[in-house]
Amino acid sequence: MIALPTASQMQRPLYRALREVIAQNIRDGRLRPGDRLPTERDLARGCGVSRITVRAALDGLAKDKLVARRTRTGTIITEQAARSVSDV
């Protein structure tokens, strides 16, 4: 399980902070390709933010190709994420 910050621990804007926390978990190896993230609802509840905030964070990660968002499957860490991390 990843360590999630609460809204009070995140700096503004919240979606960027959440996106960076998830990306850092990928870089640190806590999240690996194929791992599934919690649902938007569970992430929102765990972080104390709205689902819109979570959706914006996940959309940003998808745009960076770190995660793939699939209907009825969820949000999954991509193989591209592992290559991006190893290039750094």
PDB file of N, CA and C in Angstrom:
ATOM      1  N   MET A   1       0.850  -1.195   0.000  1.00  0.00           N
ATOM      2  CA  MET A   1       0.000   0.000   0.000  1.00  0.00           C
ATOM      3  C   MET A   1       0.882   1.240   0.000  1.00  0.00           C
ATOM      4  N   ILE A   2       0.454   2.238  -0.713  1.00  0.00           N
ATOM      5  CA  ILE A   2       1.229   3.466  -0.787  1.00  0.00           C
ATOM      6  C   ILE A   2       0.864   4.393   0.354  1.00  0.00           C
ATOM      7  N   ALA A   3       1.813   5.221   0.716  1.00  0.00           N
ATOM      8  CA  ALA A   3       1.574   6.210   1.766  1.00  0.00           C
ATOM      9  C   ALA A   3       0.891   7.416   1.125  1.00  0.00           C
ATOM     10  N   LEU A   4      -0.301   7.714   1.575  1.00  0.00           N
ATOM     11  CA  LEU A   4      -1.055   8.828   1.014  1.00  0.00           C
ATOM     12  C   LEU A   4      -1.040  10.005   1.969  1.00  0.00           C
ATOM     13  N   PRO A   5      -0.802  11.187   1.441  1.00  0.00           N
ATOM     14  CA  PRO A   5      -0.851  12.370   2.300  1.00  0.00           C
ATOM     15  C   PRO A   5      -2.299  12.791   2.511  1.00  0.00           C
ATOM     16  N   THR A   6      -2.538  13.504   3.565  1.00  0.00           N
ATOM     17  CA  THR A   6      -3.862  14.096   3.759  1.00  0.00           C
ATOM     18  C   THR A   6      -3.860  15.470   3.114  1.00  0.00           C
ATOM     19  N   ALA A   7      -5.040  16.023   2.912  1.00  0.00           N
ATOM     20  CA  ALA A   7      -5.157  17.336   2.260  1.00  0.00           C
ATOM     21  C   ALA A   7      -4.367  18.399   3.015  1.00  0.00           C
ATOM     22  N   SER A   8      -4.327  18.303   4.340  1.00  0.00           N
ATOM     23  CA  SER A   8      -3.601  19.306   5.126  1.00  0.00           C
ATOM     24  C   SER A   8      -2.087  19.185   4.954  1.00  0.00           C
ATOM     25  N   GLN A   9      -1.596  18.005   4.553  1.00  0.00           N
ATOM     26  CA  GLN A   9      -0.163  17.807   4.347  1.00  0.00           C
ATOM     27  C   GLN A   9       0.283  18.225   2.945  1.00  0.00           C
ATOM     28  N   MET A  10      -0.668  18.340   2.029  1.00  0.00           N
ATOM     29  CA  MET A  10      -0.337  18.683   0.647  1.00  0.00           C
ATOM     30  C   MET A  10      -0.340  20.190   0.454  1.00  0.00           C
ATOM     31  N   GLN A  11       0.556  20.621  -0.402  1.00  0.00           N
ATOM     32  CA  GLN A  11       0.552  22.030  -0.755  1.00  0.00           C
ATOM     33  C   GLN A  11      -0.432  22.227  -1.902  1.00  0.00           C
ATOM     34  N   ARG A  12      -0.817  23.448  -2.118  1.00  0.00           N
ATOM     35  CA  ARG A  12      -1.749  23.776  -3.190  1.00  0.00           C
ATOM     36  C   ARG A  12      -1.038  23.845  -4.514  1.00  0.00           C
ATOM     37  N   PRO A  13      -1.632  23.560  -5.639  1.00  0.00           N
ATOM     38  CA  PRO A  13      -2.910  22.879  -5.813  1.00  0.00           C
ATOM     39  C   PRO A  13      -2.817  21.400  -5.455  1.00  0.00           C
ATOM     40  N   LEU A  14      -3.889  20.906  -4.910  1.00  0.00           N
ATOM     41  CA  LEU A  14      -3.898  19.550  -4.359  1.00  0.00           C
ATOM     42  C   LEU A  14      -3.662  18.469  -5.407  1.00  0.00           C
ATOM     43  N   TYR A  15      -4.210  18.660  -6.608  1.00  0.00           N
ATOM     44  CA  TYR A  15      -4.063  17.607  -7.609  1.00  0.00           C
ATOM     45  C   TYR A  15      -2.603  17.436  -8.018  1.00  0.00           C
ATOM     46  N   ARG A  16      -1.849  18.523  -8.055  1.00  0.00           N
ATOM     47  CA  ARG A  16      -0.426  18.421  -8.397  1.00  0.00           C
ATOM     48  C   ARG A  16       0.351  17.710  -7.287  1.00  0.00           C
ATOM     49  N   ALA A  17       0.015  18.023  -6.056  1.00  0.00           N
ATOM     50  CA  ALA A  17       0.694  17.387  -4.927  1.00  0.00           C
ATOM     51  C   ALA A  17       0.406  15.889  -4.912  1.00  0.00           C
ATOM     52  N   LEU A  18      -0.841  15.513  -5.135  1.00  0.00           N
ATOM     53  CA  LEU A  18      -1.202  14.098  -5.158  1.00  0.00           C
ATOM     54  C   LEU A  18      -0.519  13.390  -6.322  1.00  0.00           C
ATOM     55  N   ARG A  19      -0.489  14.029  -7.469  1.00  0.00           N
ATOM     56  CA  ARG A  19       0.185  13.461  -8.638  1.00  0.00           C
ATOM     57  C   ARG A  19       1.662  13.214  -8.344  1.00  0.00           C
ATOM     58  N   GLU A  20       2.299  14.167  -7.687  1.00  0.00           N
ATOM     59  CA  GLU A  20       3.720  14.026  -7.363  1.00  0.00           C
ATOM     60  C   GLU A  20       3.948  12.911  -6.339  1.00  0.00           C
ATOM     61  N   VAL A  21       3.060  12.764  -5.379  1.00  0.00           N
ATOM     62  CA  VAL A  21       3.190  11.692  -4.382  1.00  0.00           C
ATOM     63  C   VAL A  21       3.111  10.325  -5.057  1.00  0.00           C
ATOM     64  N   ILE A  22       2.176  10.168  -5.976  1.00  0.00           N
ATOM     65  CA  ILE A  22       2.039   8.885  -6.674  1.00  0.00           C
ATOM     66  C   ILE A  22       3.265   8.647  -7.560  1.00  0.00           C
ATOM     67  N   ALA A  23       3.715   9.678  -8.270  1.00  0.00           N
ATOM     68  CA  ALA A  23       4.913   9.542  -9.115  1.00  0.00           C
ATOM     69  C   ALA A  23       6.133   9.188  -8.268  1.00  0.00           C
ATOM     70  N   GLN A  24       6.252   9.776  -7.088  1.00  0.00           N
ATOM     71  CA  GLN A  24       7.370   9.470  -6.198  1.00  0.00           C
ATOM     72  C   GLN A  24       7.310   8.017  -5.725  1.00  0.00           C
ATOM     73  N   ASN A  25       6.117   7.523  -5.460  1.00  0.00           N
ATOM     74  CA  ASN A  25       5.958   6.117  -5.074  1.00  0.00           C
ATOM     75  C   ASN A  25       6.385   5.189  -6.203  1.00  0.00           C
ATOM     76  N   ILE A  26       6.167   5.611  -7.445  1.00  0.00           N
ATOM     77  CA  ILE A  26       6.621   4.824  -8.595  1.00  0.00           C
ATOM     78  C   ILE A  26       8.146   4.861  -8.657  1.00  0.00           C
ATOM     79  N   ARG A  27       8.722   6.046  -8.512  1.00  0.00           N
ATOM     80  CA  ARG A  27      10.182   6.185  -8.560  1.00  0.00           C
ATOM     81  C   ARG A  27      10.860   5.390  -7.449  1.00  0.00           C
ATOM     82  N   ASP A  28      10.251   5.369  -6.273  1.00  0.00           N
ATOM     83  CA  ASP A  28      10.826   4.658  -5.122  1.00  0.00           C
ATOM     84  C   ASP A  28      10.624   3.145  -5.195  1.00  0.00           C
ATOM     85  N   GLY A  29       9.844   2.686  -6.152  1.00  0.00           N
ATOM     86  CA  GLY A  29       9.604   1.254  -6.298  1.00  0.00           C
ATOM     87  C   GLY A  29       8.484   0.711  -5.439  1.00  0.00           C
ATOM     88  N   ARG A  30       7.786   1.571  -4.735  1.00  0.00           N
ATOM     89  CA  ARG A  30       6.643   1.106  -3.934  1.00  0.00           C
ATOM     90  C   ARG A  30       5.487   0.695  -4.836  1.00  0.00           C
ATOM     91  N   LEU A  31       5.424   1.333  -6.011  1.00  0.00           N
ATOM     92  CA  LEU A  31       4.437   0.967  -7.030  1.00  0.00           C
ATOM     93  C   LEU A  31       5.204   0.471  -8.244  1.00  0.00           C
ATOM     94  N   ARG A  32       4.838  -0.700  -8.724  1.00  0.00           N
ATOM     95  CA  ARG A  32       5.544  -1.323  -9.847  1.00  0.00           C
ATOM     96  C   ARG A  32       4.586  -1.502 -11.027  1.00  0.00           C
ATOM     97  N   PRO A  33       5.138  -1.674 -12.216  1.00  0.00           N
ATOM     98  CA  PRO A  33       4.274  -1.916 -13.381  1.00  0.00           C
ATOM     99  C   PRO A  33       3.313  -3.067 -13.116  1.00  0.00           C
ATOM    100  N   GLY A  34       2.063  -2.838 -13.459  1.00  0.00           N
ATOM    101  CA  GLY A  34       1.025  -3.840 -13.238  1.00  0.00           C
ATOM    102  C   GLY A  34       0.254  -3.640 -11.951  1.00  0.00           C
ATOM    103  N   ASP A  35       0.807  -2.872 -11.010  1.00  0.00           N
ATOM    104  CA  ASP A  35       0.085  -2.595  -9.762  1.00  0.00           C
ATOM    105  C   ASP A  35      -1.141  -1.748 -10.070  1.00  0.00           C
ATOM    106  N   ARG A  36      -2.198  -2.022  -9.334  1.00  0.00           N
ATOM    107  CA  ARG A  36      -3.413  -1.244  -9.499  1.00  0.00           C
ATOM    108  C   ARG A  36      -3.547  -0.258  -8.346  1.00  0.00           C
ATOM    109  N   LEU A  37      -3.874   0.982  -8.686  1.00  0.00           N
ATOM    110  CA  LEU A  37      -4.103   1.998  -7.658  1.00  0.00           C
ATOM    111  C   LEU A  37      -5.499   1.817  -7.067  1.00  0.00           C
ATOM    112  N   PRO A  38      -5.715   2.333  -5.865  1.00  0.00           N
ATOM    113  CA  PRO A  38      -7.071   2.312  -5.310  1.00  0.00           C
ATOM    114  C   PRO A  38      -8.029   3.090  -6.209  1.00  0.00           C
ATOM    115  N   THR A  39      -9.302   2.873  -6.031  1.00  0.00           N
ATOM    116  CA  THR A  39     -10.298   3.585  -6.829  1.00  0.00           C
ATOM    117  C   THR A  39     -10.243   5.084  -6.533  1.00  0.00           C
ATOM    118  N   GLU A  40     -10.819   5.867  -7.435  1.00  0.00           N
ATOM    119  CA  GLU A  40     -10.878   7.313  -7.208  1.00  0.00           C
ATOM    120  C   GLU A  40     -11.538   7.611  -5.867  1.00  0.00           C
ATOM    121  N   ARG A  41     -12.609   6.910  -5.591  1.00  0.00           N
ATOM    122  CA  ARG A  41     -13.343   7.141  -4.343  1.00  0.00           C
ATOM    123  C   ARG A  41     -12.471   6.832  -3.128  1.00  0.00           C
ATOM    124  N   ASP A  42     -11.748   5.723  -3.176  1.00  0.00           N
ATOM    125  CA  ASP A  42     -10.893   5.336  -2.051  1.00  0.00           C
ATOM    126  C   ASP A  42      -9.716   6.303  -1.888  1.00  0.00           C
ATOM    127  N   LEU A  43      -9.118   6.722  -3.000  1.00  0.00           N
ATOM    128  CA  LEU A  43      -8.040   7.711  -2.923  1.00  0.00           C
ATOM    129  C   LEU A  43      -8.545   9.027  -2.342  1.00  0.00           C
ATOM    130  N   ALA A  44      -9.709   9.456  -2.802  1.00  0.00           N
ATOM    131  CA  ALA A  44     -10.276  10.716  -2.307  1.00  0.00           C
ATOM    132  C   ALA A  44     -10.539  10.637  -0.804  1.00  0.00           C
ATOM    133  N   ARG A  45     -11.124   9.541  -0.388  1.00  0.00           N
ATOM    134  CA  ARG A  45     -11.435   9.362   1.028  1.00  0.00           C
ATOM    135  C   ARG A  45     -10.147   9.286   1.851  1.00  0.00           C
ATOM    136  N   GLY A  46      -9.163   8.554   1.364  1.00  0.00           N
ATOM    137  CA  GLY A  46      -7.910   8.387   2.089  1.00  0.00           C
ATOM    138  C   GLY A  46      -7.103   9.669   2.209  1.00  0.00           C
ATOM    139  N   CYS A  47      -7.207  10.528   1.205  1.00  0.00           N
ATOM    140  CA  CYS A  47      -6.435  11.784   1.207  1.00  0.00           C
ATOM    141  C   CYS A  47      -7.250  12.965   1.724  1.00  0.00           C
ATOM    142  N   GLY A  48      -8.546  12.789   1.845  1.00  0.00           N
ATOM    143  CA  GLY A  48      -9.394  13.887   2.308  1.00  0.00           C
ATOM    144  C   GLY A  48      -9.582  14.965   1.259  1.00  0.00           C
ATOM    145  N   VAL A  49      -9.617  14.542  -0.026  1.00  0.00           N
ATOM    146  CA  VAL A  49      -9.836  15.484  -1.117  1.00  0.00           C
ATOM    147  C   VAL A  49     -11.032  15.009  -1.925  1.00  0.00           C
ATOM    148  N   SER A  50     -11.457  15.816  -2.892  1.00  0.00           N
ATOM    149  CA  SER A  50     -12.600  15.435  -3.715  1.00  0.00           C
ATOM    150  C   SER A  50     -12.175  14.472  -4.817  1.00  0.00           C
ATOM    151  N   ARG A  51     -13.158  13.784  -5.380  1.00  0.00           N
ATOM    152  CA  ARG A  51     -12.871  12.874  -6.496  1.00  0.00           C
ATOM    153  C   ARG A  51     -12.390  13.650  -7.709  1.00  0.00           C
ATOM    154  N   ILE A  52     -12.840  14.870  -7.862  1.00  0.00           N
ATOM    155  CA  ILE A  52     -12.390  15.702  -8.981  1.00  0.00           C
ATOM    156  C   ILE A  52     -10.888  15.953  -8.859  1.00  0.00           C
ATOM    157  N   THR A  53     -10.416  16.188  -7.658  1.00  0.00           N
ATOM    158  CA  THR A  53      -8.981  16.383  -7.417  1.00  0.00           C
ATOM    159  C   THR A  53      -8.211  15.123  -7.771  1.00  0.00           C
ATOM    160  N   VAL A  54      -8.704  13.979  -7.331  1.00  0.00           N
ATOM    161  CA  VAL A  54      -8.059  12.699  -7.633  1.00  0.00           C
ATOM    162  C   VAL A  54      -8.067  12.458  -9.138  1.00  0.00           C
ATOM    163  N   ARG A  55      -9.190  12.723  -9.784  1.00  0.00           N
ATOM    164  CA  ARG A  55      -9.300  12.515 -11.223  1.00  0.00           C
ATOM    165  C   ARG A  55      -8.288  13.376 -11.973  1.00  0.00           C
ATOM    166  N   ALA A  56      -8.120  14.625 -11.550  1.00  0.00           N
ATOM    167  CA  ALA A  56      -7.145  15.511 -12.202  1.00  0.00           C
ATOM    168  C   ALA A  56      -5.722  14.979 -12.027  1.00  0.00           C
ATOM    169  N   ALA A  57      -5.414  14.482 -10.844  1.00  0.00           N
ATOM    170  CA  ALA A  57      -4.081  13.918 -10.593  1.00  0.00           C
ATOM    171  C   ALA A  57      -3.843  12.686 -11.463  1.00  0.00           C
ATOM    172  N   LEU A  58      -4.815  11.797 -11.528  1.00  0.00           N
ATOM    173  CA  LEU A  58      -4.674  10.585 -12.323  1.00  0.00           C
ATOM    174  C   LEU A  58      -4.634  10.885 -13.811  1.00  0.00           C
ATOM    175  N   ASP A  59      -5.396  11.875 -14.251  1.00  0.00           N
ATOM    176  CA  ASP A  59      -5.354  12.281 -15.655  1.00  0.00           C
ATOM    177  C   ASP A  59      -3.969  12.794 -16.023  1.00  0.00           C
ATOM    178  N   GLY A  60      -3.340  13.541 -15.124  1.00  0.00           N
ATOM    179  CA  GLY A  60      -1.984  14.028 -15.364  1.00  0.00           C
ATOM    180  C   GLY A  60      -0.985  12.899 -15.450  1.00  0.00           C
ATOM    181  N   LEU A  61      -1.125  11.910 -14.581  1.00  0.00           N
ATOM    182  CA  LEU A  61      -0.238  10.744 -14.612  1.00  0.00           C
ATOM    183  C   LEU A  61      -0.451   9.943 -15.898  1.00  0.00           C
ATOM    184  N   ALA A  62      -1.695   9.863 -16.349  1.00  0.00           N
ATOM    185  CA  ALA A  62      -1.989   9.156 -17.598  1.00  0.00           C
ATOM    186  C   ALA A  62      -1.389   9.900 -18.786  1.00  0.00           C
ATOM    187  N   LYS A  63      -1.455  11.213 -18.747  1.00  0.00           N
ATOM    188  CA  LYS A  63      -0.875  12.026 -19.821  1.00  0.00           C
ATOM    189  C   LYS A  63       0.641  11.822 -19.881  1.00  0.00           C
ATOM    190  N   ASP A  64       1.268  11.653 -18.727  1.00  0.00           N
ATOM    191  CA  ASP A  64       2.710  11.387 -18.651  1.00  0.00           C
ATOM    192  C   ASP A  64       3.036   9.911 -18.917  1.00  0.00           C
ATOM    193  N   LYS A  65       1.997   9.111 -19.162  1.00  0.00           N
ATOM    194  CA  LYS A  65       2.119   7.677 -19.448  1.00  0.00           C
ATOM    195  C   LYS A  65       2.703   6.870 -18.285  1.00  0.00           C
ATOM    196  N   LEU A  66       2.489   7.353 -17.077  1.00  0.00           N
ATOM    197  CA  LEU A  66       2.906   6.596 -15.900  1.00  0.00           C
ATOM    198  C   LEU A  66       1.835   5.609 -15.466  1.00  0.00           C
ATOM    199  N   VAL A  67       0.578   5.918 -15.790  1.00  0.00           N
ATOM    200  CA  VAL A  67      -0.536   5.021 -15.482  1.00  0.00           C
ATOM    201  C   VAL A  67      -1.429   4.897 -16.708  1.00  0.00           C
ATOM    202  N   ALA A  68      -2.179   3.807 -16.734  1.00  0.00           N
ATOM    203  CA  ALA A  68      -3.205   3.607 -17.757  1.00  0.00           C
ATOM    204  C   ALA A  68      -4.535   3.519 -17.032  1.00  0.00           C
ATOM    205  N   ARG A  69      -5.513   4.272 -17.522  1.00  0.00           N
ATOM    206  CA  ARG A  69      -6.832   4.258 -16.898  1.00  0.00           C
ATOM    207  C   ARG A  69      -7.758   3.440 -17.764  1.00  0.00           C
ATOM    208  N   ARG A  70      -8.347   2.399 -17.181  1.00  0.00           N
ATOM    209  CA  ARG A  70      -9.206   1.495 -17.935  1.00  0.00           C
ATOM    210  C   ARG A  70     -10.553   1.359 -17.246  1.00  0.00           C
ATOM    211  N   THR A  71     -11.594   1.515 -18.024  1.00  0.00           N
ATOM    212  CA  THR A  71     -12.941   1.375 -17.506  1.00  0.00           C
ATOM    213  C   THR A  71     -13.140  -0.038 -16.972  1.00  0.00           C
ATOM    214  N   ARG A  72     -13.711  -0.133 -15.804  1.00  0.00           N
ATOM    215  CA  ARG A  72     -14.024  -1.390 -15.110  1.00  0.00           C
ATOM    216  C   ARG A  72     -12.799  -2.177 -14.654  1.00  0.00           C
ATOM    217  N   THR A  73     -11.608  -1.681 -14.947  1.00  0.00           N
ATOM    218  CA  THR A  73     -10.388  -2.344 -14.486  1.00  0.00           C
ATOM    219  C   THR A  73      -9.692  -1.490 -13.447  1.00  0.00           C
ATOM    220  N   GLY A  74      -9.661  -0.181 -13.690  1.00  0.00           N
ATOM    221  CA  GLY A  74      -9.044   0.732 -12.758  1.00  0.00           C
ATOM    222  C   GLY A  74      -7.825   1.415 -13.342  1.00  0.00           C
ATOM    223  N   THR A  75      -7.017   1.967 -12.470  1.00  0.00           N
ATOM    224  CA  THR A  75      -5.815   2.678 -12.862  1.00  0.00           C
ATOM    225  C   THR A  75      -4.616   1.802 -12.536  1.00  0.00           C
ATOM    226  N   ILE A  76      -3.816   1.533 -13.569  1.00  0.00           N
ATOM    227  CA  ILE A  76      -2.719   0.576 -13.460  1.00  0.00           C
ATOM    228  C   ILE A  76      -1.408   1.250 -13.820  1.00  0.00           C
ATOM    229  N   ILE A  77      -0.358   0.937 -13.068  1.00  0.00           N
ATOM    230  CA  ILE A  77       0.976   1.451 -13.356  1.00  0.00           C
ATOM    231  C   ILE A  77       1.459   0.797 -14.648  1.00  0.00           C
ATOM    232  N   THR A  78       1.986   1.596 -15.575  1.00  0.00           N
ATOM    233  CA  THR A  78       2.396   1.097 -16.884  1.00  0.00           C
ATOM    234  C   THR A  78       3.849   0.636 -16.899  1.00  0.00           C
ATOM    235  N   GLU A  79       4.188  -0.127 -17.915  1.00  0.00           N
ATOM    236  CA  GLU A  79       5.577  -0.514 -18.151  1.00  0.00           C
ATOM    237  C   GLU A  79       6.407   0.723 -18.472  1.00  0.00           C
ATOM    238  N   GLN A  80       5.799   1.702 -19.129  1.00  0.00           N
ATOM    239  CA  GLN A  80       6.464   2.952 -19.463  1.00  0.00           C
ATOM    240  C   GLN A  80       6.971   3.641 -18.192  1.00  0.00           C
ATOM    241  N   ALA A  81       6.233   3.502 -17.102  1.00  0.00           N
ATOM    242  CA  ALA A  81       6.642   4.114 -15.843  1.00  0.00           C
ATOM    243  C   ALA A  81       7.989   3.562 -15.383  1.00  0.00           C
ATOM    244  N   ALA A  82       8.181   2.264 -15.529  1.00  0.00           N
ATOM    245  CA  ALA A  82       9.439   1.640 -15.114  1.00  0.00           C
ATOM    246  C   ALA A  82      10.581   2.143 -15.979  1.00  0.00           C
ATOM    247  N   ARG A  83      10.347   2.289 -17.272  1.00  0.00           N
ATOM    248  CA  ARG A  83      11.404   2.792 -18.165  1.00  0.00           C
ATOM    249  C   ARG A  83      11.710   4.253 -17.861  1.00  0.00           C
ATOM    250  N   SER A  84      10.684   5.043 -17.553  1.00  0.00           N
ATOM    251  CA  SER A  84      10.899   6.456 -17.235  1.00  0.00           C
ATOM    252  C   SER A  84      11.741   6.606 -15.991  1.00  0.00           C
ATOM    253  N   VAL A  85      11.511   5.767 -15.018  1.00  0.00           N
ATOM    254  CA  VAL A  85      12.238   5.819 -13.759  1.00  0.00           C
ATOM    255  C   VAL A  85      13.686   5.374 -13.979  1.00  0.00           C
ATOM    256  N   SER A  86      13.906   4.347 -14.774  1.00  0.00           N
ATOM    257  CA  SER A  86      15.267   3.855 -14.983  1.00  0.00           C
ATOM    258  C   SER A  86      16.101   4.804 -15.819  1.00  0.00           C
ATOM    259  N   ASP A  87      15.462   5.672 -16.607  1.00  0.00           N
ATOM    260  CA  ASP A  87      16.179   6.646 -17.414  1.00  0.00           C
ATOM    261  C   ASP A  87      16.717   7.812 -16.587  1.00  0.00           C
ATOM    262  N   VAL A  88      16.159   7.998 -15.401  1.00  0.00           N
ATOM    263  CA  VAL A  88      16.532   9.150 -14.574  1.00  0.00           C
ATOM    264  C   VAL A  88      17.858   8.939 -13.898  1.00  0.00           C
TER     265      VAL A  88
END
